[in-house]
């Protein structure tokens, strides 16, 4: 009876090395733990030698004639093999593909952001797939789409190169970029400490020639202005009020 649901965590079986009696050869080339070649001996003698040293006889190269075997603890051998595979996968970023999507009428600010993302991916040894999709009547002017893709590819020349020219597939344009070798690749602007400003800064406000902070020579009032200033200021109860409406009124005492 078949399972109703397939297993979610499926991983292909890892081929295990043959150990001791599972080795299918009459004679083997034996290498001890110090990487010293002990020569070609029979399988039975090699297994006896491994048991005498308290280790296993592990087949490391079954395709050789005769097969190459090591005198090593099988658990330690598996641990070292898994560690080497993990280190090799850590540096295999070129197998990862990141996608950058464009449009024929993309905003310059959005274009600069996507360009910086592509630079980051290429500097991390990842491939970049540039995709541009046409919508509706945009298919009538495909040249604008090719211009945007070509503009991005040219800007990424110091960091990567296209595997093939940009092609129109269906309603979109696709091109794959591969990173350049580290020795020939440009340095990421982010690592150089250069911040990319996508918007131009506004000009600073200019200071008027006669600054208000310079009070060394205050402007003198003319006689007419002085009389007007005095008329606008009145004193009531020891307090001065500017622009007093009752400043010009005359108060007559009651008889």
C-alpha atoms as a PDB file:
ATOM      1  CA  UNK A   1       0.000   0.000   0.000  1.00  0.00           C
ATOM      2  CA  UNK A   2       1.435   3.373  -1.064  1.00  0.00           C
ATOM      3  CA  UNK A   3       1.776   6.314   1.282  1.00  0.00           C
ATOM      4  CA  UNK A   4      -0.917   8.999   1.028  1.00  0.00           C
ATOM      5  CA  UNK A   5       1.699  11.767   1.370  1.00  0.00           C
ATOM      6  CA  UNK A   6       5.248  11.876   0.184  1.00  0.00           C
ATOM      7  CA  UNK A   7       8.056  12.542   2.603  1.00  0.00           C
ATOM      8  CA  UNK A   8       8.890  16.244   2.892  1.00  0.00           C
ATOM      9  CA  UNK A   9      12.526  15.852   3.865  1.00  0.00           C
ATOM     10  CA  UNK A  10      13.859  13.754   1.002  1.00  0.00           C
ATOM     11  CA  UNK A  11      17.600  13.531   0.543  1.00  0.00           C
ATOM     12  CA  UNK A  12      19.397  11.240  -1.892  1.00  0.00           C
ATOM     13  CA  UNK A  13      21.279   8.373  -0.228  1.00  0.00           C
ATOM     14  CA  UNK A  14      24.931   9.072   0.373  1.00  0.00           C
ATOM     15  CA  UNK A  15      27.193   6.300  -0.957  1.00  0.00           C
ATOM     16  CA  UNK A  16      29.093   4.759   1.929  1.00  0.00           C
ATOM     17  CA  UNK A  17      32.606   3.461   1.676  1.00  0.00           C
ATOM     18  CA  UNK A  18      33.104  -0.293   1.962  1.00  0.00           C
ATOM     19  CA  UNK A  19      34.616  -1.437   5.236  1.00  0.00           C
ATOM     20  CA  UNK A  20      36.499  -4.610   6.195  1.00  0.00           C
ATOM     21  CA  UNK A  21      34.699  -7.720   4.889  1.00  0.00           C
ATOM     22  CA  UNK A  22      32.460  -5.719   2.508  1.00  0.00           C
ATOM     23  CA  UNK A  23      35.422  -4.893   0.277  1.00  0.00           C
ATOM     24  CA  UNK A  24      35.175  -6.846  -3.005  1.00  0.00           C
ATOM     25  CA  UNK A  25      38.787  -7.343  -4.028  1.00  0.00           C
ATOM     26  CA  UNK A  26      41.414 -10.017  -3.552  1.00  0.00           C
ATOM     27  CA  UNK A  27      44.300  -7.598  -3.199  1.00  0.00           C
ATOM     28  CA  UNK A  28      44.309  -3.996  -1.976  1.00  0.00           C
ATOM     29  CA  UNK A  29      46.828  -1.198  -1.642  1.00  0.00           C
ATOM     30  CA  UNK A  30      47.045  -0.276   2.028  1.00  0.00           C
ATOM     31  CA  UNK A  31      47.833   3.167   3.477  1.00  0.00           C
ATOM     32  CA  UNK A  32      48.305   3.504   7.216  1.00  0.00           C
ATOM     33  CA  UNK A  33      47.175   6.370   9.450  1.00  0.00           C
ATOM     34  CA  UNK A  34      50.366   8.369   8.768  1.00  0.00           C
ATOM     35  CA  UNK A  35      49.645   8.380   4.994  1.00  0.00           C
ATOM     36  CA  UNK A  36      52.437   5.832   4.435  1.00  0.00           C
ATOM     37  CA  UNK A  37      52.059   3.375   1.587  1.00  0.00           C
ATOM     38  CA  UNK A  38      52.396  -0.208   2.839  1.00  0.00           C
ATOM     39  CA  UNK A  39      52.176  -1.738  -0.621  1.00  0.00           C
ATOM     40  CA  UNK A  40      49.782  -4.241  -2.197  1.00  0.00           C
ATOM     41  CA  UNK A  41      48.745  -7.107   0.056  1.00  0.00           C
ATOM     42  CA  UNK A  42      45.886  -9.579   0.157  1.00  0.00           C
ATOM     43  CA  UNK A  43      42.542  -8.553   1.627  1.00  0.00           C
ATOM     44  CA  UNK A  44      42.742 -11.047   4.493  1.00  0.00           C
ATOM     45  CA  UNK A  45      46.176  -9.792   5.550  1.00  0.00           C
ATOM     46  CA  UNK A  46      44.970  -6.181   5.410  1.00  0.00           C
ATOM     47  CA  UNK A  47      41.951  -6.958   7.627  1.00  0.00           C
ATOM     48  CA  UNK A  48      44.180  -8.791  10.092  1.00  0.00           C
ATOM     49  CA  UNK A  49      46.558  -5.825  10.180  1.00  0.00           C
ATOM     50  CA  UNK A  50      43.645  -3.423  10.813  1.00  0.00           C
ATOM     51  CA  UNK A  51      42.309  -5.579  13.689  1.00  0.00           C
ATOM     52  CA  UNK A  52      45.764  -5.726  15.241  1.00  0.00           C
ATOM     53  CA  UNK A  53      45.906  -1.928  15.335  1.00  0.00           C
ATOM     54  CA  UNK A  54      42.319  -1.556  16.554  1.00  0.00           C
ATOM     55  CA  UNK A  55      41.103   0.295  13.448  1.00  0.00           C
ATOM     56  CA  UNK A  56      39.069  -0.461  10.313  1.00  0.00           C
ATOM     57  CA  UNK A  57      40.082  -1.145   6.749  1.00  0.00           C
ATOM     58  CA  UNK A  58      38.220   1.518   4.720  1.00  0.00           C
ATOM     59  CA  UNK A  59      38.099   1.539   0.926  1.00  0.00           C
ATOM     60  CA  UNK A  60      38.833   5.133  -0.162  1.00  0.00           C
ATOM     61  CA  UNK A  61      39.331   4.645  -3.915  1.00  0.00           C
ATOM     62  CA  UNK A  62      37.379   1.709  -5.316  1.00  0.00           C
ATOM     63  CA  UNK A  63      38.123   2.621  -8.967  1.00  0.00           C
ATOM     64  CA  UNK A  64      41.867   2.121  -8.653  1.00  0.00           C
ATOM     65  CA  UNK A  65      43.536  -1.146  -9.632  1.00  0.00           C
ATOM     66  CA  UNK A  66      43.953  -2.553  -7.052  1.00  0.00           C
ATOM     67  CA  UNK A  67      41.587  -0.571  -4.773  1.00  0.00           C
ATOM     68  CA  UNK A  68      43.153   1.796  -2.255  1.00  0.00           C
ATOM     69  CA  UNK A  69      42.294   1.237   1.409  1.00  0.00           C
ATOM     70  CA  UNK A  70      43.185   3.096   4.612  1.00  0.00           C
ATOM     71  CA  UNK A  71      43.790   1.887   8.120  1.00  0.00           C
ATOM     72  CA  UNK A  72      41.598   4.337  10.004  1.00  0.00           C
ATOM     73  CA  UNK A  73      38.691   4.396  12.435  1.00  0.00           C
ATOM     74  CA  UNK A  74      35.501   4.382  10.343  1.00  0.00           C
ATOM     75  CA  UNK A  75      33.714   6.891  12.603  1.00  0.00           C
ATOM     76  CA  UNK A  76      36.628   9.316  12.376  1.00  0.00           C
ATOM     77  CA  UNK A  77      36.742   8.794   8.611  1.00  0.00           C
ATOM     78  CA  UNK A  78      33.036   9.667   8.276  1.00  0.00           C
ATOM     79  CA  UNK A  79      33.493  12.781  10.429  1.00  0.00           C
ATOM     80  CA  UNK A  80      36.416  14.064   8.346  1.00  0.00           C
ATOM     81  CA  UNK A  81      34.547  13.358   5.112  1.00  0.00           C
ATOM     82  CA  UNK A  82      31.438  15.264   6.289  1.00  0.00           C
ATOM     83  CA  UNK A  83      33.614  18.172   7.414  1.00  0.00           C
ATOM     84  CA  UNK A  84      35.310  18.412   4.008  1.00  0.00           C
ATOM     85  CA  UNK A  85      31.952  18.347   2.217  1.00  0.00           C
ATOM     86  CA  UNK A  86      30.615  21.114   4.455  1.00  0.00           C
ATOM     87  CA  UNK A  87      33.630  23.314   3.747  1.00  0.00           C
ATOM     88  CA  UNK A  88      33.309  22.739   0.007  1.00  0.00           C
ATOM     89  CA  UNK A  89      29.600  23.647   0.038  1.00  0.00           C
ATOM     90  CA  UNK A  90      30.374  26.826   1.954  1.00  0.00           C
ATOM     91  CA  UNK A  91      32.400  28.202  -0.968  1.00  0.00           C
ATOM     92  CA  UNK A  92      30.083  27.039  -3.755  1.00  0.00           C
ATOM     93  CA  UNK A  93      27.999  30.227  -4.034  1.00  0.00           C
ATOM     94  CA  UNK A  94      28.220  30.196  -7.826  1.00  0.00           C
ATOM     95  CA  UNK A  95      25.514  27.522  -7.897  1.00  0.00           C
ATOM     96  CA  UNK A  96      23.047  29.953  -6.306  1.00  0.00           C
ATOM     97  CA  UNK A  97      21.076  32.164  -8.668  1.00  0.00           C
ATOM     98  CA  UNK A  98      19.484  35.461  -7.631  1.00  0.00           C
ATOM     99  CA  UNK A  99      16.875  37.165  -9.812  1.00  0.00           C
ATOM    100  CA  UNK A 100      16.612  40.889 -10.524  1.00  0.00           C
ATOM    101  CA  UNK A 101      13.333  42.025 -12.087  1.00  0.00           C
ATOM    102  CA  UNK A 102      13.085  45.168 -14.208  1.00  0.00           C
ATOM    103  CA  UNK A 103      10.390  46.987 -16.159  1.00  0.00           C
ATOM    104  CA  UNK A 104      10.665  49.136 -19.295  1.00  0.00           C
ATOM    105  CA  UNK A 105       9.614  52.308 -17.431  1.00  0.00           C
ATOM    106  CA  UNK A 106      11.468  51.688 -14.173  1.00  0.00           C
ATOM    107  CA  UNK A 107      12.187  54.683 -11.956  1.00  0.00           C
ATOM    108  CA  UNK A 108      15.866  55.766 -11.802  1.00  0.00           C
ATOM    109  CA  UNK A 109      15.900  55.356  -8.019  1.00  0.00           C
ATOM    110  CA  UNK A 110      14.521  51.798  -8.261  1.00  0.00           C
ATOM    111  CA  UNK A 111      17.022  51.032 -11.007  1.00  0.00           C
ATOM    112  CA  UNK A 112      19.906  52.144  -8.762  1.00  0.00           C
ATOM    113  CA  UNK A 113      18.635  49.995  -5.878  1.00  0.00           C
ATOM    114  CA  UNK A 114      18.367  46.885  -8.061  1.00  0.00           C
ATOM    115  CA  UNK A 115      21.785  47.621  -9.509  1.00  0.00           C
ATOM    116  CA  UNK A 116      23.308  47.677  -6.007  1.00  0.00           C
ATOM    117  CA  UNK A 117      21.583  44.390  -5.164  1.00  0.00           C
ATOM    118  CA  UNK A 118      23.086  42.817  -8.282  1.00  0.00           C
ATOM    119  CA  UNK A 119      26.545  44.084  -7.289  1.00  0.00           C
ATOM    120  CA  UNK A 120      26.143  42.537  -3.824  1.00  0.00           C
ATOM    121  CA  UNK A 121      25.141  39.164  -5.298  1.00  0.00           C
ATOM    122  CA  UNK A 122      28.012  39.091  -7.793  1.00  0.00           C
ATOM    123  CA  UNK A 123      30.542  40.042  -5.108  1.00  0.00           C
ATOM    124  CA  UNK A 124      29.314  37.049  -3.082  1.00  0.00           C
ATOM    125  CA  UNK A 125      30.045  34.688  -6.014  1.00  0.00           C
ATOM    126  CA  UNK A 126      26.381  34.254  -6.945  1.00  0.00           C
ATOM    127  CA  UNK A 127      24.881  34.283 -10.404  1.00  0.00           C
ATOM    128  CA  UNK A 128      22.336  36.962 -11.265  1.00  0.00           C
ATOM    129  CA  UNK A 129      19.397  36.416 -13.587  1.00  0.00           C
ATOM    130  CA  UNK A 130      18.050  39.680 -15.005  1.00  0.00           C
ATOM    131  CA  UNK A 131      14.398  39.477 -16.035  1.00  0.00           C
ATOM    132  CA  UNK A 132      12.321  42.184 -17.691  1.00  0.00           C
ATOM    133  CA  UNK A 133       8.587  41.639 -18.246  1.00  0.00           C
ATOM    134  CA  UNK A 134       6.379  43.469 -20.728  1.00  0.00           C
ATOM    135  CA  UNK A 135       2.797  44.276 -19.828  1.00  0.00           C
ATOM    136  CA  UNK A 136       0.007  45.075 -22.237  1.00  0.00           C
ATOM    137  CA  UNK A 137       1.003  47.580 -24.893  1.00  0.00           C
ATOM    138  CA  UNK A 138       4.633  47.626 -23.768  1.00  0.00           C
ATOM    139  CA  UNK A 139       5.216  44.774 -26.233  1.00  0.00           C
ATOM    140  CA  UNK A 140       4.894  47.315 -29.043  1.00  0.00           C
ATOM    141  CA  UNK A 141       8.160  48.975 -27.975  1.00  0.00           C
ATOM    142  CA  UNK A 142      10.545  46.176 -27.083  1.00  0.00           C
ATOM    143  CA  UNK A 143      13.545  48.410 -27.758  1.00  0.00           C
ATOM    144  CA  UNK A 144      12.981  50.246 -24.475  1.00  0.00           C
ATOM    145  CA  UNK A 145      13.186  46.963 -22.584  1.00  0.00           C
ATOM    146  CA  UNK A 146      16.427  45.990 -24.293  1.00  0.00           C
ATOM    147  CA  UNK A 147      17.853  49.415 -23.462  1.00  0.00           C
ATOM    148  CA  UNK A 148      17.128  48.951 -19.752  1.00  0.00           C
ATOM    149  CA  UNK A 149      18.678  45.474 -19.694  1.00  0.00           C
ATOM    150  CA  UNK A 150      21.728  46.597 -21.636  1.00  0.00           C
ATOM    151  CA  UNK A 151      22.141  49.568 -19.310  1.00  0.00           C
ATOM    152  CA  UNK A 152      22.194  47.269 -16.277  1.00  0.00           C
ATOM    153  CA  UNK A 153      24.567  44.778 -17.889  1.00  0.00           C
ATOM    154  CA  UNK A 154      27.014  47.555 -18.842  1.00  0.00           C
ATOM    155  CA  UNK A 155      26.962  48.967 -15.302  1.00  0.00           C
ATOM    156  CA  UNK A 156      27.835  45.515 -13.904  1.00  0.00           C
ATOM    157  CA  UNK A 157      30.820  44.960 -16.209  1.00  0.00           C
ATOM    158  CA  UNK A 158      33.429  45.370 -13.400  1.00  0.00           C
ATOM    159  CA  UNK A 159      31.710  42.638 -11.371  1.00  0.00           C
ATOM    160  CA  UNK A 160      30.280  40.088 -13.826  1.00  0.00           C
ATOM    161  CA  UNK A 161      29.792  39.151 -17.453  1.00  0.00           C
ATOM    162  CA  UNK A 162      26.750  37.851 -19.344  1.00  0.00           C
ATOM    163  CA  UNK A 163      26.798  34.178 -20.269  1.00  0.00           C
ATOM    164  CA  UNK A 164      24.911  34.961 -23.491  1.00  0.00           C
ATOM    165  CA  UNK A 165      23.312  38.028 -25.097  1.00  0.00           C
ATOM    166  CA  UNK A 166      19.908  39.106 -23.817  1.00  0.00           C
ATOM    167  CA  UNK A 167      17.068  37.193 -25.496  1.00  0.00           C
ATOM    168  CA  UNK A 168      13.353  37.791 -25.827  1.00  0.00           C
ATOM    169  CA  UNK A 169      11.509  34.767 -24.458  1.00  0.00           C
ATOM    170  CA  UNK A 170       7.745  35.033 -24.506  1.00  0.00           C
ATOM    171  CA  UNK A 171       6.785  38.387 -22.986  1.00  0.00           C
ATOM    172  CA  UNK A 172      10.088  39.033 -21.277  1.00  0.00           C
ATOM    173  CA  UNK A 173      13.811  39.525 -21.728  1.00  0.00           C
ATOM    174  CA  UNK A 174      16.228  37.248 -19.857  1.00  0.00           C
ATOM    175  CA  UNK A 175      19.982  37.347 -19.419  1.00  0.00           C
ATOM    176  CA  UNK A 176      22.244  35.451 -16.992  1.00  0.00           C
ATOM    177  CA  UNK A 177      25.291  37.107 -15.394  1.00  0.00           C
ATOM    178  CA  UNK A 178      28.193  35.183 -13.882  1.00  0.00           C
ATOM    179  CA  UNK A 179      30.641  36.717 -11.379  1.00  0.00           C
ATOM    180  CA  UNK A 180      34.174  37.502 -12.458  1.00  0.00           C
ATOM    181  CA  UNK A 181      37.122  35.859 -10.675  1.00  0.00           C
ATOM    182  CA  UNK A 182      38.074  37.521  -7.419  1.00  0.00           C
ATOM    183  CA  UNK A 183      41.380  38.769  -8.837  1.00  0.00           C
ATOM    184  CA  UNK A 184      39.652  40.545 -11.748  1.00  0.00           C
ATOM    185  CA  UNK A 185      36.500  41.655  -9.940  1.00  0.00           C
ATOM    186  CA  UNK A 186      35.936  45.200  -8.749  1.00  0.00           C
ATOM    187  CA  UNK A 187      35.468  45.984  -5.082  1.00  0.00           C
ATOM    188  CA  UNK A 188      31.980  46.370  -3.734  1.00  0.00           C
ATOM    189  CA  UNK A 189      31.214  50.066  -3.032  1.00  0.00           C
ATOM    190  CA  UNK A 190      29.590  49.060   0.262  1.00  0.00           C
ATOM    191  CA  UNK A 191      32.831  47.437   1.450  1.00  0.00           C
ATOM    192  CA  UNK A 192      34.774  50.563   0.471  1.00  0.00           C
ATOM    193  CA  UNK A 193      32.626  52.648   2.795  1.00  0.00           C
ATOM    194  CA  UNK A 194      31.043  54.607  -0.070  1.00  0.00           C
ATOM    195  CA  UNK A 195      27.367  55.235   0.443  1.00  0.00           C
ATOM    196  CA  UNK A 196      25.344  55.443  -2.728  1.00  0.00           C
ATOM    197  CA  UNK A 197      22.958  58.407  -2.670  1.00  0.00           C
ATOM    198  CA  UNK A 198      20.073  57.620  -4.990  1.00  0.00           C
ATOM    199  CA  UNK A 199      18.588  61.102  -4.626  1.00  0.00           C
ATOM    200  CA  UNK A 200      20.514  64.313  -5.174  1.00  0.00           C
ATOM    201  CA  UNK A 201      20.854  66.401  -1.994  1.00  0.00           C
ATOM    202  CA  UNK A 202      19.046  69.682  -1.857  1.00  0.00           C
ATOM    203  CA  UNK A 203      21.223  72.805  -2.076  1.00  0.00           C
ATOM    204  CA  UNK A 204      21.932  74.509   1.239  1.00  0.00           C
ATOM    205  CA  UNK A 205      20.051  77.671   1.997  1.00  0.00           C
ATOM    206  CA  UNK A 206      22.141  80.797   1.358  1.00  0.00           C
ATOM    207  CA  UNK A 207      22.668  83.254   4.195  1.00  0.00           C
ATOM    208  CA  UNK A 208      21.619  86.851   3.455  1.00  0.00           C
ATOM    209  CA  UNK A 209      24.496  89.313   3.233  1.00  0.00           C
ATOM    210  CA  UNK A 210      23.291  91.270   6.234  1.00  0.00           C
ATOM    211  CA  UNK A 211      23.053  88.513   8.854  1.00  0.00           C
ATOM    212  CA  UNK A 212      20.822  89.033  11.839  1.00  0.00           C
ATOM    213  CA  UNK A 213      23.491  87.617  14.134  1.00  0.00           C
ATOM    214  CA  UNK A 214      25.836  90.519  13.459  1.00  0.00           C
ATOM    215  CA  UNK A 215      24.729  93.086  16.055  1.00  0.00           C
ATOM    216  CA  UNK A 216      27.970  95.022  16.278  1.00  0.00           C
ATOM    217  CA  UNK A 217      26.477  97.973  14.356  1.00  0.00           C
ATOM    218  CA  UNK A 218      22.698  98.118  14.897  1.00  0.00           C
ATOM    219  CA  UNK A 219      20.729 100.109  12.369  1.00  0.00           C
ATOM    220  CA  UNK A 220      19.779 103.590  13.627  1.00  0.00           C
ATOM    221  CA  UNK A 221      16.191 104.715  13.318  1.00  0.00           C
ATOM    222  CA  UNK A 222      15.328 107.813  11.398  1.00  0.00           C
ATOM    223  CA  UNK A 223      13.530 110.660  13.246  1.00  0.00           C
ATOM    224  CA  UNK A 224      10.225 109.937  11.521  1.00  0.00           C
ATOM    225  CA  UNK A 225      10.476 106.235  12.344  1.00  0.00           C
ATOM    226  CA  UNK A 226      11.367 107.057  15.948  1.00  0.00           C
ATOM    227  CA  UNK A 227       8.244 109.207  16.356  1.00  0.00           C
ATOM    228  CA  UNK A 228       6.113 106.456  14.805  1.00  0.00           C
ATOM    229  CA  UNK A 229       7.651 103.810  17.075  1.00  0.00           C
ATOM    230  CA  UNK A 230       6.970 105.990  20.147  1.00  0.00           C
ATOM    231  CA  UNK A 231       3.362 106.507  19.058  1.00  0.00           C
ATOM    232  CA  UNK A 232       2.824 102.793  18.653  1.00  0.00           C
ATOM    233  CA  UNK A 233       4.138 102.047  22.145  1.00  0.00           C
ATOM    234  CA  UNK A 234       2.093 103.001  25.220  1.00  0.00           C
ATOM    235  CA  UNK A 235       2.706 102.535  28.885  1.00  0.00           C
ATOM    236  CA  UNK A 236      -0.179 101.339  31.025  1.00  0.00           C
ATOM    237  CA  UNK A 237       0.492 100.357  34.615  1.00  0.00           C
ATOM    238  CA  UNK A 238       4.226 100.233  34.028  1.00  0.00           C
ATOM    239  CA  UNK A 239       3.861  97.761  31.114  1.00  0.00           C
ATOM    240  CA  UNK A 240       4.562  98.583  27.507  1.00  0.00           C
ATOM    241  CA  UNK A 241       2.327  97.293  24.730  1.00  0.00           C
ATOM    242  CA  UNK A 242       3.233  97.452  21.092  1.00  0.00           C
ATOM    243  CA  UNK A 243       0.637  98.631  18.522  1.00  0.00           C
ATOM    244  CA  UNK A 244      -1.695  99.829  21.292  1.00  0.00           C
ATOM    245  CA  UNK A 245      -5.012 101.028  19.860  1.00  0.00           C
ATOM    246  CA  UNK A 246      -5.547 103.406  22.787  1.00  0.00           C
ATOM    247  CA  UNK A 247      -2.173 105.092  22.516  1.00  0.00           C
ATOM    248  CA  UNK A 248      -3.518 108.189  20.664  1.00  0.00           C
ATOM    249  CA  UNK A 249      -6.641 108.670  22.848  1.00  0.00           C
ATOM    250  CA  UNK A 250      -6.861 111.588  25.243  1.00  0.00           C
ATOM    251  CA  UNK A 251      -8.323 110.968  28.655  1.00  0.00           C
ATOM    252  CA  UNK A 252     -10.134 113.992  30.235  1.00  0.00           C
ATOM    253  CA  UNK A 253     -10.874 114.056  33.970  1.00  0.00           C
ATOM    254  CA  UNK A 254     -14.502 114.226  35.053  1.00  0.00           C
ATOM    255  CA  UNK A 255     -15.733 117.598  36.300  1.00  0.00           C
END
